[in-house]
């Protein structure tokens, strides 16, 4: 008797469902996790390489939902190769990447053949180090709670990151925005913010908008999102800001997503299950573009070219 085939998982739907649930709970996954987890920064593979794109946001959300404190994730076999073992009964999480194949199609009228490149989403299953016994000690964060520290402790990193970005920044007034027509960032005076960390968080958001200017990444969403294009750009900017803040070690409390934007984001995500993957890829592209201006890339590794798809990663 022929065995029944296992239905394939709708990976995009699973990811989107979790992101929607976290937003409904009032937790934006791109700004939450480095306070909840024991060690800040991006999720890491077993070899220490940071995850990118939607994997960063999704694994942050998984860690937040399950209380995982380690930054490290790995497959069952990778854990075994390290002499460790996944605890019985633990459920794995998804890590996704795009693969592709070429398909030849013949024109029904002329018979001429054309070759198309078809992209599709693939996944593998990973476990957090907190689900695994027997790993070397550095895979597990310490149990002590580390104070975020005085903002001045991070000021040199903040100055180095933003000082290298050649954006025109004007100060004054009580609003923060990027002006696309005249190509400048407007910020309130630094003294208007509670701390320099708060200033840096807002500037990260506006600088992500700046990266999408027509002279740079020319980020537009056109017909795909129609009237929601503005809200989608805000989503990209918020995710981009989250990546910058994680890079600089800024605390989560800085983020305060406006309720109206969250409602728009939920509408977009419910209407298009691949929207969050698209937004994360655009935010990753913006982050790498901005990081490339700096000569000091921190502990997250060298910047990736903006032309690289942040989902073309494997285990």
C-alpha atoms as a PDB file:
ATOM      1  CA  UNK A   1       0.000   0.000   0.000  1.00  0.00           C
ATOM      2  CA  UNK A   2       1.320   3.427  -0.911  1.00  0.00           C
ATOM      3  CA  UNK A   3       2.132   5.617   2.080  1.00  0.00           C
ATOM      4  CA  UNK A   4       0.190   8.825   2.458  1.00  0.00           C
ATOM      5  CA  UNK A   5       2.208  11.907   1.607  1.00  0.00           C
ATOM      6  CA  UNK A   6       2.710  14.469   4.344  1.00  0.00           C
ATOM      7  CA  UNK A   7       1.109  17.785   3.400  1.00  0.00           C
ATOM      8  CA  UNK A   8       3.658  20.526   2.885  1.00  0.00           C
ATOM      9  CA  UNK A   9       3.763  23.302   5.468  1.00  0.00           C
ATOM     10  CA  UNK A  10       2.627  26.775   4.495  1.00  0.00           C
ATOM     11  CA  UNK A  11       5.742  28.413   5.878  1.00  0.00           C
ATOM     12  CA  UNK A  12       4.787  31.978   4.986  1.00  0.00           C
ATOM     13  CA  UNK A  13       1.397  31.568   6.676  1.00  0.00           C
ATOM     14  CA  UNK A  14       2.989  30.155   9.851  1.00  0.00           C
ATOM     15  CA  UNK A  15       5.449  33.032  10.098  1.00  0.00           C
ATOM     16  CA  UNK A  16       2.799  35.663   9.404  1.00  0.00           C
ATOM     17  CA  UNK A  17       0.421  34.114  11.938  1.00  0.00           C
ATOM     18  CA  UNK A  18       3.010  34.398  14.718  1.00  0.00           C
ATOM     19  CA  UNK A  19       3.933  37.990  13.827  1.00  0.00           C
ATOM     20  CA  UNK A  20       0.235  38.953  13.800  1.00  0.00           C
ATOM     21  CA  UNK A  21      -0.289  37.304  17.188  1.00  0.00           C
ATOM     22  CA  UNK A  22       2.659  39.160  18.720  1.00  0.00           C
ATOM     23  CA  UNK A  23       1.455  42.500  17.296  1.00  0.00           C
ATOM     24  CA  UNK A  24      -2.027  41.829  18.702  1.00  0.00           C
ATOM     25  CA  UNK A  25      -0.377  41.210  22.074  1.00  0.00           C
ATOM     26  CA  UNK A  26       1.290  44.605  21.794  1.00  0.00           C
ATOM     27  CA  UNK A  27       4.748  43.160  21.151  1.00  0.00           C
ATOM     28  CA  UNK A  28       6.552  44.139  17.949  1.00  0.00           C
ATOM     29  CA  UNK A  29       9.033  41.265  17.461  1.00  0.00           C
ATOM     30  CA  UNK A  30      11.610  43.502  15.798  1.00  0.00           C
ATOM     31  CA  UNK A  31      11.910  45.686  18.909  1.00  0.00           C
ATOM     32  CA  UNK A  32      11.226  43.323  21.802  1.00  0.00           C
ATOM     33  CA  UNK A  33      13.698  40.485  22.164  1.00  0.00           C
ATOM     34  CA  UNK A  34      17.042  41.820  23.255  1.00  0.00           C
ATOM     35  CA  UNK A  35      15.538  42.790  26.600  1.00  0.00           C
ATOM     36  CA  UNK A  36      13.794  39.441  27.091  1.00  0.00           C
ATOM     37  CA  UNK A  37      16.599  37.170  25.947  1.00  0.00           C
ATOM     38  CA  UNK A  38      19.679  36.838  28.071  1.00  0.00           C
ATOM     39  CA  UNK A  39      22.048  38.176  25.421  1.00  0.00           C
ATOM     40  CA  UNK A  40      21.351  41.000  22.997  1.00  0.00           C
ATOM     41  CA  UNK A  41      21.758  41.108  19.250  1.00  0.00           C
ATOM     42  CA  UNK A  42      20.610  39.007  16.348  1.00  0.00           C
ATOM     43  CA  UNK A  43      19.883  35.289  16.544  1.00  0.00           C
ATOM     44  CA  UNK A  44      22.989  33.277  15.680  1.00  0.00           C
ATOM     45  CA  UNK A  45      23.592  29.981  13.913  1.00  0.00           C
ATOM     46  CA  UNK A  46      25.605  27.306  15.721  1.00  0.00           C
ATOM     47  CA  UNK A  47      28.776  28.679  14.082  1.00  0.00           C
ATOM     48  CA  UNK A  48      28.101  32.236  15.298  1.00  0.00           C
ATOM     49  CA  UNK A  49      26.914  33.650  11.957  1.00  0.00           C
ATOM     50  CA  UNK A  50      23.935  36.022  12.400  1.00  0.00           C
ATOM     51  CA  UNK A  51      20.601  35.196  10.792  1.00  0.00           C
ATOM     52  CA  UNK A  52      19.203  37.785   8.375  1.00  0.00           C
ATOM     53  CA  UNK A  53      15.892  38.863   6.872  1.00  0.00           C
ATOM     54  CA  UNK A  54      12.678  37.332   8.163  1.00  0.00           C
ATOM     55  CA  UNK A  55      14.658  34.729  10.124  1.00  0.00           C
ATOM     56  CA  UNK A  56      15.889  37.454  12.491  1.00  0.00           C
ATOM     57  CA  UNK A  57      12.372  38.678  13.261  1.00  0.00           C
ATOM     58  CA  UNK A  58      10.772  35.232  13.355  1.00  0.00           C
ATOM     59  CA  UNK A  59      13.347  33.691  15.685  1.00  0.00           C
ATOM     60  CA  UNK A  60      13.187  36.781  17.901  1.00  0.00           C
ATOM     61  CA  UNK A  61       9.400  36.255  18.076  1.00  0.00           C
ATOM     62  CA  UNK A  62       9.796  32.550  18.834  1.00  0.00           C
ATOM     63  CA  UNK A  63      12.313  33.315  21.583  1.00  0.00           C
ATOM     64  CA  UNK A  64       9.983  35.918  23.072  1.00  0.00           C
ATOM     65  CA  UNK A  65       6.979  33.568  22.968  1.00  0.00           C
ATOM     66  CA  UNK A  66       8.867  30.691  24.603  1.00  0.00           C
ATOM     67  CA  UNK A  67      11.171  32.562  26.947  1.00  0.00           C
ATOM     68  CA  UNK A  68      14.390  31.379  25.279  1.00  0.00           C
ATOM     69  CA  UNK A  69      17.394  33.356  26.467  1.00  0.00           C
ATOM     70  CA  UNK A  70      20.159  32.057  24.192  1.00  0.00           C
ATOM     71  CA  UNK A  71      20.956  33.714  20.856  1.00  0.00           C
ATOM     72  CA  UNK A  72      22.034  30.393  19.305  1.00  0.00           C
ATOM     73  CA  UNK A  73      19.917  28.150  17.056  1.00  0.00           C
ATOM     74  CA  UNK A  74      20.885  24.929  15.291  1.00  0.00           C
ATOM     75  CA  UNK A  75      19.521  21.821  13.611  1.00  0.00           C
ATOM     76  CA  UNK A  76      19.221  18.461  15.354  1.00  0.00           C
ATOM     77  CA  UNK A  77      22.268  17.138  13.501  1.00  0.00           C
ATOM     78  CA  UNK A  78      24.340  20.231  14.275  1.00  0.00           C
ATOM     79  CA  UNK A  79      23.598  19.737  17.982  1.00  0.00           C
ATOM     80  CA  UNK A  80      24.651  16.091  17.714  1.00  0.00           C
ATOM     81  CA  UNK A  81      27.886  17.071  15.966  1.00  0.00           C
ATOM     82  CA  UNK A  82      28.680  19.252  18.973  1.00  0.00           C
ATOM     83  CA  UNK A  83      28.169  16.285  21.302  1.00  0.00           C
ATOM     84  CA  UNK A  84      24.822  17.615  22.549  1.00  0.00           C
ATOM     85  CA  UNK A  85      21.235  16.432  22.254  1.00  0.00           C
ATOM     86  CA  UNK A  86      17.839  18.093  21.832  1.00  0.00           C
ATOM     87  CA  UNK A  87      15.681  17.311  24.852  1.00  0.00           C
ATOM     88  CA  UNK A  88      12.854  14.849  24.282  1.00  0.00           C
ATOM     89  CA  UNK A  89       9.534  16.513  23.495  1.00  0.00           C
ATOM     90  CA  UNK A  90      11.008  19.837  22.328  1.00  0.00           C
ATOM     91  CA  UNK A  91       9.446  21.374  19.227  1.00  0.00           C
ATOM     92  CA  UNK A  92      11.621  22.890  16.525  1.00  0.00           C
ATOM     93  CA  UNK A  93      11.193  26.259  14.831  1.00  0.00           C
ATOM     94  CA  UNK A  94      11.404  27.247  11.182  1.00  0.00           C
ATOM     95  CA  UNK A  95      14.301  28.874   9.413  1.00  0.00           C
ATOM     96  CA  UNK A  96      13.527  29.829   5.833  1.00  0.00           C
ATOM     97  CA  UNK A  97      15.366  30.622   2.628  1.00  0.00           C
ATOM     98  CA  UNK A  98      14.575  30.987  -1.036  1.00  0.00           C
ATOM     99  CA  UNK A  99      15.561  28.381  -3.572  1.00  0.00           C
ATOM    100  CA  UNK A 100      14.913  28.427  -7.303  1.00  0.00           C
ATOM    101  CA  UNK A 101      14.654  26.301 -10.404  1.00  0.00           C
ATOM    102  CA  UNK A 102      14.522  27.061 -14.108  1.00  0.00           C
ATOM    103  CA  UNK A 103      11.445  26.210 -16.160  1.00  0.00           C
ATOM    104  CA  UNK A 104      11.212  26.259 -19.940  1.00  0.00           C
ATOM    105  CA  UNK A 105       7.894  27.363 -21.422  1.00  0.00           C
ATOM    106  CA  UNK A 106       6.851  27.263 -25.097  1.00  0.00           C
ATOM    107  CA  UNK A 107       4.738  29.996 -26.644  1.00  0.00           C
ATOM    108  CA  UNK A 108       1.505  28.257 -27.804  1.00  0.00           C
ATOM    109  CA  UNK A 109       1.387  30.386 -30.961  1.00  0.00           C
ATOM    110  CA  UNK A 110       4.999  30.696 -32.118  1.00  0.00           C
ATOM    111  CA  UNK A 111       6.480  27.693 -30.363  1.00  0.00           C
ATOM    112  CA  UNK A 112       9.368  29.870 -29.167  1.00  0.00           C
ATOM    113  CA  UNK A 113      10.793  28.702 -25.858  1.00  0.00           C
ATOM    114  CA  UNK A 114      11.650  30.975 -22.960  1.00  0.00           C
ATOM    115  CA  UNK A 115      13.332  30.103 -19.708  1.00  0.00           C
ATOM    116  CA  UNK A 116      11.913  31.401 -16.432  1.00  0.00           C
ATOM    117  CA  UNK A 117      13.550  31.437 -13.046  1.00  0.00           C
ATOM    118  CA  UNK A 118      11.019  30.248 -10.425  1.00  0.00           C
ATOM    119  CA  UNK A 119      11.696  31.145  -6.782  1.00  0.00           C
ATOM    120  CA  UNK A 120      10.088  29.269  -3.913  1.00  0.00           C
ATOM    121  CA  UNK A 121      10.340  29.312  -0.150  1.00  0.00           C
ATOM    122  CA  UNK A 122      12.088  26.423   1.600  1.00  0.00           C
ATOM    123  CA  UNK A 123      12.660  25.748   5.270  1.00  0.00           C
ATOM    124  CA  UNK A 124      14.534  23.649   7.769  1.00  0.00           C
ATOM    125  CA  UNK A 125      13.937  23.068  11.471  1.00  0.00           C
ATOM    126  CA  UNK A 126      16.144  24.570  14.165  1.00  0.00           C
ATOM    127  CA  UNK A 127      16.210  24.458  17.965  1.00  0.00           C
ATOM    128  CA  UNK A 128      17.276  27.108  20.425  1.00  0.00           C
ATOM    129  CA  UNK A 129      20.263  26.270  22.629  1.00  0.00           C
ATOM    130  CA  UNK A 130      17.894  26.453  25.619  1.00  0.00           C
ATOM    131  CA  UNK A 131      16.196  23.338  24.212  1.00  0.00           C
ATOM    132  CA  UNK A 132      19.474  21.441  23.992  1.00  0.00           C
ATOM    133  CA  UNK A 133      21.559  19.733  26.690  1.00  0.00           C
ATOM    134  CA  UNK A 134      25.318  19.293  26.606  1.00  0.00           C
ATOM    135  CA  UNK A 135      26.433  22.295  24.535  1.00  0.00           C
ATOM    136  CA  UNK A 136      29.589  24.220  25.485  1.00  0.00           C
ATOM    137  CA  UNK A 137      28.896  26.889  28.105  1.00  0.00           C
ATOM    138  CA  UNK A 138      29.170  29.855  25.721  1.00  0.00           C
ATOM    139  CA  UNK A 139      25.936  28.806  23.972  1.00  0.00           C
ATOM    140  CA  UNK A 140      23.988  29.629  27.139  1.00  0.00           C
ATOM    141  CA  UNK A 141      23.641  33.174  28.532  1.00  0.00           C
ATOM    142  CA  UNK A 142      24.443  33.898  32.148  1.00  0.00           C
ATOM    143  CA  UNK A 143      21.607  33.913  34.661  1.00  0.00           C
ATOM    144  CA  UNK A 144      22.337  37.370  36.034  1.00  0.00           C
ATOM    145  CA  UNK A 145      20.330  40.356  34.829  1.00  0.00           C
ATOM    146  CA  UNK A 146      22.613  42.934  33.255  1.00  0.00           C
ATOM    147  CA  UNK A 147      21.643  46.575  33.591  1.00  0.00           C
ATOM    148  CA  UNK A 148      21.401  48.361  30.244  1.00  0.00           C
ATOM    149  CA  UNK A 149      23.995  50.867  31.436  1.00  0.00           C
ATOM    150  CA  UNK A 150      24.279  54.582  31.044  1.00  0.00           C
ATOM    151  CA  UNK A 151      23.581  55.871  27.504  1.00  0.00           C
ATOM    152  CA  UNK A 152      27.081  57.309  27.432  1.00  0.00           C
ATOM    153  CA  UNK A 153      28.391  53.749  27.414  1.00  0.00           C
ATOM    154  CA  UNK A 154      26.973  53.396  23.900  1.00  0.00           C
ATOM    155  CA  UNK A 155      27.524  56.927  22.693  1.00  0.00           C
ATOM    156  CA  UNK A 156      30.703  56.153  20.777  1.00  0.00           C
ATOM    157  CA  UNK A 157      28.938  53.365  18.848  1.00  0.00           C
ATOM    158  CA  UNK A 158      25.936  55.612  18.181  1.00  0.00           C
ATOM    159  CA  UNK A 159      28.151  58.447  16.942  1.00  0.00           C
ATOM    160  CA  UNK A 160      30.240  56.114  14.786  1.00  0.00           C
ATOM    161  CA  UNK A 161      27.191  54.598  13.101  1.00  0.00           C
ATOM    162  CA  UNK A 162      25.239  57.776  12.359  1.00  0.00           C
ATOM    163  CA  UNK A 163      28.311  59.940  11.802  1.00  0.00           C
ATOM    164  CA  UNK A 164      29.308  57.771   8.857  1.00  0.00           C
ATOM    165  CA  UNK A 165      25.915  58.055   7.113  1.00  0.00           C
ATOM    166  CA  UNK A 166      25.993  61.052   4.698  1.00  0.00           C
ATOM    167  CA  UNK A 167      22.423  62.124   5.365  1.00  0.00           C
ATOM    168  CA  UNK A 168      21.570  65.784   5.926  1.00  0.00           C
ATOM    169  CA  UNK A 169      20.061  66.044   9.410  1.00  0.00           C
ATOM    170  CA  UNK A 170      18.327  69.215  10.574  1.00  0.00           C
ATOM    171  CA  UNK A 171      17.354  69.844  14.198  1.00  0.00           C
ATOM    172  CA  UNK A 172      14.441  71.851  15.512  1.00  0.00           C
ATOM    173  CA  UNK A 173      10.700  71.712  16.066  1.00  0.00           C
ATOM    174  CA  UNK A 174       8.790  68.866  17.653  1.00  0.00           C
ATOM    175  CA  UNK A 175       8.540  66.396  14.765  1.00  0.00           C
ATOM    176  CA  UNK A 176      10.810  63.713  13.330  1.00  0.00           C
ATOM    177  CA  UNK A 177      10.504  62.864   9.642  1.00  0.00           C
ATOM    178  CA  UNK A 178      12.343  62.280   6.375  1.00  0.00           C
ATOM    179  CA  UNK A 179      11.528  64.800   3.643  1.00  0.00           C
ATOM    180  CA  UNK A 180      11.771  62.861   0.343  1.00  0.00           C
ATOM    181  CA  UNK A 181      11.478  65.911  -1.926  1.00  0.00           C
ATOM    182  CA  UNK A 182      14.290  67.920  -0.343  1.00  0.00           C
ATOM    183  CA  UNK A 183      16.135  64.818   0.860  1.00  0.00           C
ATOM    184  CA  UNK A 184      16.819  65.604   4.497  1.00  0.00           C
ATOM    185  CA  UNK A 185      16.001  64.187   7.934  1.00  0.00           C
ATOM    186  CA  UNK A 186      14.291  66.478  10.441  1.00  0.00           C
ATOM    187  CA  UNK A 187      14.814  65.722  14.136  1.00  0.00           C
ATOM    188  CA  UNK A 188      13.853  67.580  17.327  1.00  0.00           C
ATOM    189  CA  UNK A 189      16.842  68.860  19.305  1.00  0.00           C
ATOM    190  CA  UNK A 190      18.648  66.170  21.240  1.00  0.00           C
ATOM    191  CA  UNK A 191      17.705  67.830  24.520  1.00  0.00           C
ATOM    192  CA  UNK A 192      14.040  67.139  23.668  1.00  0.00           C
ATOM    193  CA  UNK A 193      14.572  63.412  24.189  1.00  0.00           C
ATOM    194  CA  UNK A 194      14.653  61.672  27.565  1.00  0.00           C
ATOM    195  CA  UNK A 195      17.999  60.064  26.743  1.00  0.00           C
ATOM    196  CA  UNK A 196      20.412  59.881  23.852  1.00  0.00           C
ATOM    197  CA  UNK A 197      19.273  56.277  23.400  1.00  0.00           C
ATOM    198  CA  UNK A 198      15.764  57.535  22.623  1.00  0.00           C
ATOM    199  CA  UNK A 199      17.214  60.072  20.192  1.00  0.00           C
ATOM    200  CA  UNK A 200      19.235  57.335  18.474  1.00  0.00           C
ATOM    201  CA  UNK A 201      16.191  55.066  18.169  1.00  0.00           C
ATOM    202  CA  UNK A 202      14.121  57.752  16.430  1.00  0.00           C
ATOM    203  CA  UNK A 203      17.037  58.733  14.228  1.00  0.00           C
ATOM    204  CA  UNK A 204      17.442  55.067  13.245  1.00  0.00           C
ATOM    205  CA  UNK A 205      13.828  55.005  12.072  1.00  0.00           C
ATOM    206  CA  UNK A 206      14.187  58.183   9.999  1.00  0.00           C
ATOM    207  CA  UNK A 207      17.569  57.116   8.619  1.00  0.00           C
ATOM    208  CA  UNK A 208      15.998  53.869   7.409  1.00  0.00           C
ATOM    209  CA  UNK A 209      13.454  56.021   5.537  1.00  0.00           C
ATOM    210  CA  UNK A 210      16.386  58.039   4.118  1.00  0.00           C
ATOM    211  CA  UNK A 211      17.981  54.854   2.767  1.00  0.00           C
ATOM    212  CA  UNK A 212      14.954  54.354   0.514  1.00  0.00           C
ATOM    213  CA  UNK A 213      15.364  57.719  -1.234  1.00  0.00           C
ATOM    214  CA  UNK A 214      15.411  57.825  -5.029  1.00  0.00           C
ATOM    215  CA  UNK A 215      19.173  58.520  -5.108  1.00  0.00           C
ATOM    216  CA  UNK A 216      19.871  55.452  -2.962  1.00  0.00           C
ATOM    217  CA  UNK A 217      17.816  52.231  -2.716  1.00  0.00           C
ATOM    218  CA  UNK A 218      14.800  53.822  -4.468  1.00  0.00           C
ATOM    219  CA  UNK A 219      12.399  51.838  -2.318  1.00  0.00           C
ATOM    220  CA  UNK A 220       8.841  51.917  -3.707  1.00  0.00           C
ATOM    221  CA  UNK A 221       5.985  49.469  -3.330  1.00  0.00           C
ATOM    222  CA  UNK A 222       3.637  50.702  -6.049  1.00  0.00           C
ATOM    223  CA  UNK A 223       0.614  48.656  -6.992  1.00  0.00           C
ATOM    224  CA  UNK A 224       1.397  45.720  -4.731  1.00  0.00           C
ATOM    225  CA  UNK A 225       0.310  47.602  -1.618  1.00  0.00           C
ATOM    226  CA  UNK A 226      -1.589  50.507  -3.202  1.00  0.00           C
ATOM    227  CA  UNK A 227      -3.053  52.783  -0.535  1.00  0.00           C
ATOM    228  CA  UNK A 228      -1.173  50.764   2.104  1.00  0.00           C
ATOM    229  CA  UNK A 229       2.242  51.575   0.599  1.00  0.00           C
ATOM    230  CA  UNK A 230       2.893  54.332   3.150  1.00  0.00           C
ATOM    231  CA  UNK A 231       2.083  52.027   6.080  1.00  0.00           C
ATOM    232  CA  UNK A 232       4.284  49.338   4.528  1.00  0.00           C
ATOM    233  CA  UNK A 233       7.220  51.765   4.320  1.00  0.00           C
ATOM    234  CA  UNK A 234       6.641  52.559   8.009  1.00  0.00           C
ATOM    235  CA  UNK A 235       6.815  48.844   8.738  1.00  0.00           C
ATOM    236  CA  UNK A 236      10.132  48.598   6.871  1.00  0.00           C
ATOM    237  CA  UNK A 237      11.455  51.620   8.795  1.00  0.00           C
ATOM    238  CA  UNK A 238      10.412  50.142  12.143  1.00  0.00           C
ATOM    239  CA  UNK A 239      12.074  46.803  11.379  1.00  0.00           C
ATOM    240  CA  UNK A 240      15.157  48.627  10.107  1.00  0.00           C
ATOM    241  CA  UNK A 241      15.246  50.708  13.290  1.00  0.00           C
ATOM    242  CA  UNK A 242      15.010  47.520  15.326  1.00  0.00           C
ATOM    243  CA  UNK A 243      18.003  46.036  13.504  1.00  0.00           C
ATOM    244  CA  UNK A 244      20.045  49.211  14.044  1.00  0.00           C
ATOM    245  CA  UNK A 245      19.116  49.356  17.733  1.00  0.00           C
ATOM    246  CA  UNK A 246      20.087  45.712  18.180  1.00  0.00           C
ATOM    247  CA  UNK A 247      23.413  46.419  16.446  1.00  0.00           C
ATOM    248  CA  UNK A 248      24.084  49.339  18.808  1.00  0.00           C
ATOM    249  CA  UNK A 249      22.844  47.522  21.922  1.00  0.00           C
ATOM    250  CA  UNK A 250      20.023  49.965  22.615  1.00  0.00           C
ATOM    251  CA  UNK A 251      17.274  48.841  25.030  1.00  0.00           C
ATOM    252  CA  UNK A 252      13.817  47.783  23.903  1.00  0.00           C
ATOM    253  CA  UNK A 253      11.919  50.365  25.946  1.00  0.00           C
ATOM    254  CA  UNK A 254      12.748  52.978  23.317  1.00  0.00           C
ATOM    255  CA  UNK A 255      10.171  51.690  20.864  1.00  0.00           C
ATOM    256  CA  UNK A 256       6.581  52.939  20.974  1.00  0.00           C
ATOM    257  CA  UNK A 257       4.682  51.856  17.878  1.00  0.00           C
ATOM    258  CA  UNK A 258       1.710  54.097  17.099  1.00  0.00           C
ATOM    259  CA  UNK A 259      -1.583  52.204  17.374  1.00  0.00           C
ATOM    260  CA  UNK A 260      -2.794  53.401  13.963  1.00  0.00           C
ATOM    261  CA  UNK A 261       0.311  52.016  12.277  1.00  0.00           C
ATOM    262  CA  UNK A 262      -0.087  48.677  14.051  1.00  0.00           C
ATOM    263  CA  UNK A 263      -3.676  48.462  12.769  1.00  0.00           C
ATOM    264  CA  UNK A 264      -2.464  49.140   9.211  1.00  0.00           C
ATOM    265  CA  UNK A 265       0.321  46.562   9.567  1.00  0.00           C
ATOM    266  CA  UNK A 266      -2.128  43.936  10.770  1.00  0.00           C
ATOM    267  CA  UNK A 267      -4.338  44.654   7.762  1.00  0.00           C
ATOM    268  CA  UNK A 268      -1.408  44.251   5.387  1.00  0.00           C
ATOM    269  CA  UNK A 269      -0.186  41.038   7.004  1.00  0.00           C
ATOM    270  CA  UNK A 270      -3.655  39.480   7.039  1.00  0.00           C
ATOM    271  CA  UNK A 271      -4.183  40.316   3.360  1.00  0.00           C
ATOM    272  CA  UNK A 272      -0.781  39.077   2.151  1.00  0.00           C
ATOM    273  CA  UNK A 273       0.977  36.260   3.993  1.00  0.00           C
ATOM    274  CA  UNK A 274       4.307  37.035   2.278  1.00  0.00           C
ATOM    275  CA  UNK A 275       4.244  40.761   3.161  1.00  0.00           C
ATOM    276  CA  UNK A 276       6.269  40.391   6.386  1.00  0.00           C
ATOM    277  CA  UNK A 277       8.926  38.415   4.517  1.00  0.00           C
ATOM    278  CA  UNK A 278       9.097  41.171   1.899  1.00  0.00           C
ATOM    279  CA  UNK A 279       9.272  43.882   4.588  1.00  0.00           C
ATOM    280  CA  UNK A 280      12.028  42.088   6.490  1.00  0.00           C
ATOM    281  CA  UNK A 281      14.078  41.680   3.314  1.00  0.00           C
ATOM    282  CA  UNK A 282      13.747  45.390   2.496  1.00  0.00           C
ATOM    283  CA  UNK A 283      14.677  46.346   6.070  1.00  0.00           C
ATOM    284  CA  UNK A 284      17.700  44.054   5.952  1.00  0.00           C
ATOM    285  CA  UNK A 285      18.758  45.638   2.668  1.00  0.00           C
ATOM    286  CA  UNK A 286      18.433  49.106   4.230  1.00  0.00           C
ATOM    287  CA  UNK A 287      20.376  48.063   7.329  1.00  0.00           C
ATOM    288  CA  UNK A 288      23.263  46.663   5.280  1.00  0.00           C
ATOM    289  CA  UNK A 289      23.282  49.768   3.084  1.00  0.00           C
ATOM    290  CA  UNK A 290      23.595  52.016   6.139  1.00  0.00           C
ATOM    291  CA  UNK A 291      26.088  49.772   7.916  1.00  0.00           C
ATOM    292  CA  UNK A 292      28.356  49.829   4.865  1.00  0.00           C
ATOM    293  CA  UNK A 293      29.050  53.528   5.468  1.00  0.00           C
ATOM    294  CA  UNK A 294      30.760  52.711   8.736  1.00  0.00           C
ATOM    295  CA  UNK A 295      34.301  51.415   8.931  1.00  0.00           C
ATOM    296  CA  UNK A 296      33.494  49.681  12.226  1.00  0.00           C
ATOM    297  CA  UNK A 297      31.033  46.850  11.613  1.00  0.00           C
ATOM    298  CA  UNK A 298      30.805  45.661  15.189  1.00  0.00           C
ATOM    299  CA  UNK A 299      30.448  42.006  16.154  1.00  0.00           C
ATOM    300  CA  UNK A 300      27.770  41.190  13.625  1.00  0.00           C
ATOM    301  CA  UNK A 301      30.233  40.740  10.766  1.00  0.00           C
ATOM    302  CA  UNK A 302      31.029  42.691   7.632  1.00  0.00           C
ATOM    303  CA  UNK A 303      28.142  44.391   5.834  1.00  0.00           C
ATOM    304  CA  UNK A 304      26.421  42.476   3.086  1.00  0.00           C
ATOM    305  CA  UNK A 305      25.945  44.063  -0.308  1.00  0.00           C
ATOM    306  CA  UNK A 306      22.519  45.643  -0.685  1.00  0.00           C
ATOM    307  CA  UNK A 307      21.992  43.519  -3.794  1.00  0.00           C
ATOM    308  CA  UNK A 308      22.175  40.259  -1.841  1.00  0.00           C
ATOM    309  CA  UNK A 309      18.853  38.641  -0.993  1.00  0.00           C
ATOM    310  CA  UNK A 310      18.817  38.189   2.796  1.00  0.00           C
ATOM    311  CA  UNK A 311      16.759  35.016   2.391  1.00  0.00           C
ATOM    312  CA  UNK A 312      19.346  33.094   0.372  1.00  0.00           C
ATOM    313  CA  UNK A 313      20.787  31.549   3.521  1.00  0.00           C
ATOM    314  CA  UNK A 314      20.991  27.919   4.528  1.00  0.00           C
ATOM    315  CA  UNK A 315      21.677  26.007   7.741  1.00  0.00           C
END
